[in-house]
Amino acid sequence: MAAAAAGRGRQRRREDLLLLVVGEAMAIAAVSAVLSWRVTNWWVLVVLGACAAVGWAWWFHRFRQQQA
């Protein structure tokens, strides 16, 4: 009975290790895909940055108007 329990424990550890390795591989693949897309589509960051700058300037202008 104890041998069967030990075998199940080893099997469980093996399964956990396999899931960990598969999860890490998937995470690395996802990060690699995102970075590759970002390098290819760098202009998206430029557009987002410009939109953020315009939004900040609009907010700051309204803030200054309210202070006056």
N, C-alpha and C. Protein backbone atom coordinates (compact mmCIF):
# COMPACT_ATOMS: atom_id res chain seq x y z
N MET A 1 0.81 -1.19 0.00
CA MET A 1 0.00 0.00 0.00
C MET A 1 0.86 1.27 0.00
N ALA A 2 1.93 1.26 0.80
CA ALA A 2 2.81 2.42 0.86
C ALA A 2 3.55 2.60 -0.47
N ALA A 3 3.89 1.48 -1.12
CA ALA A 3 4.59 1.57 -2.40
C ALA A 3 3.70 2.20 -3.46
N ALA A 4 2.40 1.88 -3.42
CA ALA A 4 1.47 2.46 -4.38
C ALA A 4 1.33 3.97 -4.14
N ALA A 5 1.28 4.37 -2.88
CA ALA A 5 1.16 5.79 -2.55
C ALA A 5 2.42 6.54 -3.00
N ALA A 6 3.60 5.92 -2.80
CA ALA A 6 4.84 6.56 -3.23
C ALA A 6 4.88 6.68 -4.74
N GLY A 7 4.39 5.67 -5.45
CA GLY A 7 4.35 5.71 -6.91
C GLY A 7 3.43 6.81 -7.40
N ARG A 8 2.29 6.98 -6.73
CA ARG A 8 1.36 8.06 -7.11
C ARG A 8 2.00 9.42 -6.86
N GLY A 9 2.76 9.53 -5.78
CA GLY A 9 3.44 10.80 -5.48
C GLY A 9 4.46 11.14 -6.53
N ARG A 10 5.23 10.13 -6.96
CA ARG A 10 6.22 10.36 -8.01
C ARG A 10 5.54 10.73 -9.32
N GLN A 11 4.46 10.04 -9.62
CA GLN A 11 3.71 10.32 -10.86
C GLN A 11 3.17 11.75 -10.81
N ARG A 12 2.67 12.15 -9.66
CA ARG A 12 2.13 13.51 -9.51
C ARG A 12 3.23 14.55 -9.71
N ARG A 13 4.40 14.32 -9.12
CA ARG A 13 5.52 15.25 -9.28
C ARG A 13 5.95 15.32 -10.74
N ARG A 14 5.96 14.18 -11.40
CA ARG A 14 6.34 14.14 -12.82
C ARG A 14 5.34 14.95 -13.66
N GLU A 15 4.04 14.78 -13.35
CA GLU A 15 3.01 15.53 -14.08
C GLU A 15 3.13 17.03 -13.81
N ASP A 16 3.39 17.38 -12.55
CA ASP A 16 3.56 18.80 -12.21
C ASP A 16 4.75 19.41 -12.94
N LEU A 17 5.86 18.67 -13.00
CA LEU A 17 7.04 19.14 -13.70
C LEU A 17 6.75 19.31 -15.19
N LEU A 18 6.04 18.37 -15.77
CA LEU A 18 5.69 18.47 -17.19
C LEU A 18 4.81 19.69 -17.44
N LEU A 19 3.83 19.93 -16.57
CA LEU A 19 2.97 21.11 -16.73
C LEU A 19 3.77 22.39 -16.60
N LEU A 20 4.73 22.40 -15.67
CA LEU A 20 5.57 23.58 -15.50
C LEU A 20 6.41 23.84 -16.74
N VAL A 21 7.00 22.81 -17.30
CA VAL A 21 7.82 22.97 -18.50
C VAL A 21 6.97 23.43 -19.68
N VAL A 22 5.81 22.83 -19.85
CA VAL A 22 4.92 23.22 -20.95
C VAL A 22 4.46 24.67 -20.77
N GLY A 23 4.12 25.03 -19.53
CA GLY A 23 3.69 26.41 -19.25
C GLY A 23 4.79 27.41 -19.54
N GLU A 24 6.02 27.09 -19.14
CA GLU A 24 7.14 27.98 -19.42
C GLU A 24 7.38 28.12 -20.92
N ALA A 25 7.28 27.02 -21.64
CA ALA A 25 7.48 27.06 -23.10
C ALA A 25 6.41 27.93 -23.75
N MET A 26 5.18 27.81 -23.28
CA MET A 26 4.10 28.63 -23.85
C MET A 26 4.31 30.10 -23.52
N ALA A 27 4.76 30.41 -22.31
CA ALA A 27 5.00 31.80 -21.92
C ALA A 27 6.13 32.40 -22.77
N ILE A 28 7.19 31.64 -22.97
CA ILE A 28 8.31 32.12 -23.79
C ILE A 28 7.86 32.36 -25.22
N ALA A 29 7.05 31.45 -25.75
CA ALA A 29 6.54 31.61 -27.12
C ALA A 29 5.65 32.84 -27.24
N ALA A 30 4.82 33.08 -26.23
CA ALA A 30 3.92 34.24 -26.26
C ALA A 30 4.72 35.54 -26.20
N VAL A 31 5.70 35.61 -25.31
CA VAL A 31 6.53 36.81 -25.20
C VAL A 31 7.30 37.04 -26.50
N SER A 32 7.83 35.97 -27.07
CA SER A 32 8.57 36.08 -28.33
C SER A 32 7.66 36.60 -29.44
N ALA A 33 6.44 36.10 -29.51
CA ALA A 33 5.50 36.55 -30.54
C ALA A 33 5.15 38.02 -30.37
N VAL A 34 4.92 38.44 -29.12
CA VAL A 34 4.58 39.84 -28.86
C VAL A 34 5.76 40.75 -29.23
N LEU A 35 6.96 40.37 -28.82
CA LEU A 35 8.12 41.19 -29.15
C LEU A 35 8.35 41.26 -30.66
N SER A 36 8.17 40.16 -31.33
CA SER A 36 8.33 40.15 -32.78
C SER A 36 7.31 41.07 -33.44
N TRP A 37 6.07 41.03 -32.96
CA TRP A 37 5.03 41.88 -33.52
C TRP A 37 5.34 43.34 -33.24
N ARG A 38 5.84 43.63 -32.03
CA ARG A 38 6.16 45.01 -31.66
C ARG A 38 7.27 45.56 -32.54
N VAL A 39 8.28 44.74 -32.81
CA VAL A 39 9.39 45.21 -33.65
C VAL A 39 8.89 45.48 -35.06
N THR A 40 8.03 44.62 -35.56
CA THR A 40 7.51 44.77 -36.92
C THR A 40 6.57 45.97 -37.01
N ASN A 41 5.78 46.18 -35.99
CA ASN A 41 4.76 47.25 -36.01
C ASN A 41 5.11 48.35 -35.02
N TRP A 42 6.32 48.86 -35.10
CA TRP A 42 6.79 49.88 -34.18
C TRP A 42 5.97 51.16 -34.27
N TRP A 43 5.37 51.38 -35.42
CA TRP A 43 4.60 52.60 -35.63
C TRP A 43 3.39 52.67 -34.71
N VAL A 44 2.90 51.51 -34.25
CA VAL A 44 1.76 51.52 -33.34
C VAL A 44 2.14 52.23 -32.04
N LEU A 45 3.35 51.99 -31.56
CA LEU A 45 3.82 52.69 -30.36
C LEU A 45 3.91 54.19 -30.59
N VAL A 46 4.33 54.59 -31.77
CA VAL A 46 4.42 56.01 -32.08
C VAL A 46 3.03 56.64 -32.06
N VAL A 47 2.06 55.98 -32.66
CA VAL A 47 0.69 56.50 -32.68
C VAL A 47 0.11 56.56 -31.26
N LEU A 48 0.32 55.50 -30.48
CA LEU A 48 -0.17 55.51 -29.10
C LEU A 48 0.50 56.60 -28.27
N GLY A 49 1.78 56.80 -28.47
CA GLY A 49 2.48 57.86 -27.76
C GLY A 49 1.95 59.24 -28.14
N ALA A 50 1.68 59.44 -29.42
CA ALA A 50 1.13 60.73 -29.86
C ALA A 50 -0.26 60.96 -29.28
N CYS A 51 -1.07 59.92 -29.26
CA CYS A 51 -2.41 60.04 -28.67
C CYS A 51 -2.32 60.34 -27.17
N ALA A 52 -1.40 59.71 -26.50
CA ALA A 52 -1.21 59.95 -25.07
C ALA A 52 -0.75 61.39 -24.82
N ALA A 53 0.14 61.89 -25.67
CA ALA A 53 0.61 63.27 -25.52
C ALA A 53 -0.52 64.27 -25.73
N VAL A 54 -1.33 64.03 -26.76
CA VAL A 54 -2.46 64.93 -27.02
C VAL A 54 -3.46 64.87 -25.86
N GLY A 55 -3.75 63.67 -25.38
CA GLY A 55 -4.67 63.53 -24.25
C GLY A 55 -4.16 64.21 -23.00
N TRP A 56 -2.86 64.07 -22.72
CA TRP A 56 -2.29 64.73 -21.56
C TRP A 56 -2.35 66.24 -21.70
N ALA A 57 -2.03 66.76 -22.89
CA ALA A 57 -2.06 68.20 -23.11
C ALA A 57 -3.48 68.74 -22.95
N TRP A 58 -4.46 68.01 -23.45
CA TRP A 58 -5.86 68.44 -23.31
C TRP A 58 -6.27 68.46 -21.85
N TRP A 59 -5.91 67.40 -21.11
CA TRP A 59 -6.24 67.33 -19.68
C TRP A 59 -5.55 68.47 -18.92
N PHE A 60 -4.28 68.72 -19.21
CA PHE A 60 -3.52 69.75 -18.52
C PHE A 60 -4.11 71.13 -18.80
N HIS A 61 -4.52 71.35 -20.05
CA HIS A 61 -5.14 72.63 -20.41
C HIS A 61 -6.42 72.85 -19.61
N ARG A 62 -7.25 71.81 -19.53
CA ARG A 62 -8.49 71.92 -18.75
C ARG A 62 -8.20 72.16 -17.28
N PHE A 63 -7.18 71.46 -16.76
CA PHE A 63 -6.80 71.61 -15.36
C PHE A 63 -6.37 73.05 -15.08
N ARG A 64 -5.57 73.63 -15.98
CA ARG A 64 -5.09 75.01 -15.81
C ARG A 64 -6.25 75.99 -15.91
N GLN A 65 -7.23 75.72 -16.80
CA GLN A 65 -8.39 76.59 -16.93
C GLN A 65 -9.22 76.60 -15.66
N GLN A 66 -9.33 75.45 -15.01
CA GLN A 66 -10.11 75.36 -13.78
C GLN A 66 -9.42 76.07 -12.63
N GLN A 67 -8.09 76.14 -12.67
CA GLN A 67 -7.34 76.80 -11.61
C GLN A 67 -7.48 78.32 -11.70
N ALA A 68 -7.72 78.84 -12.90
CA ALA A 68 -7.78 80.29 -13.10
C ALA A 68 -9.09 80.87 -12.61
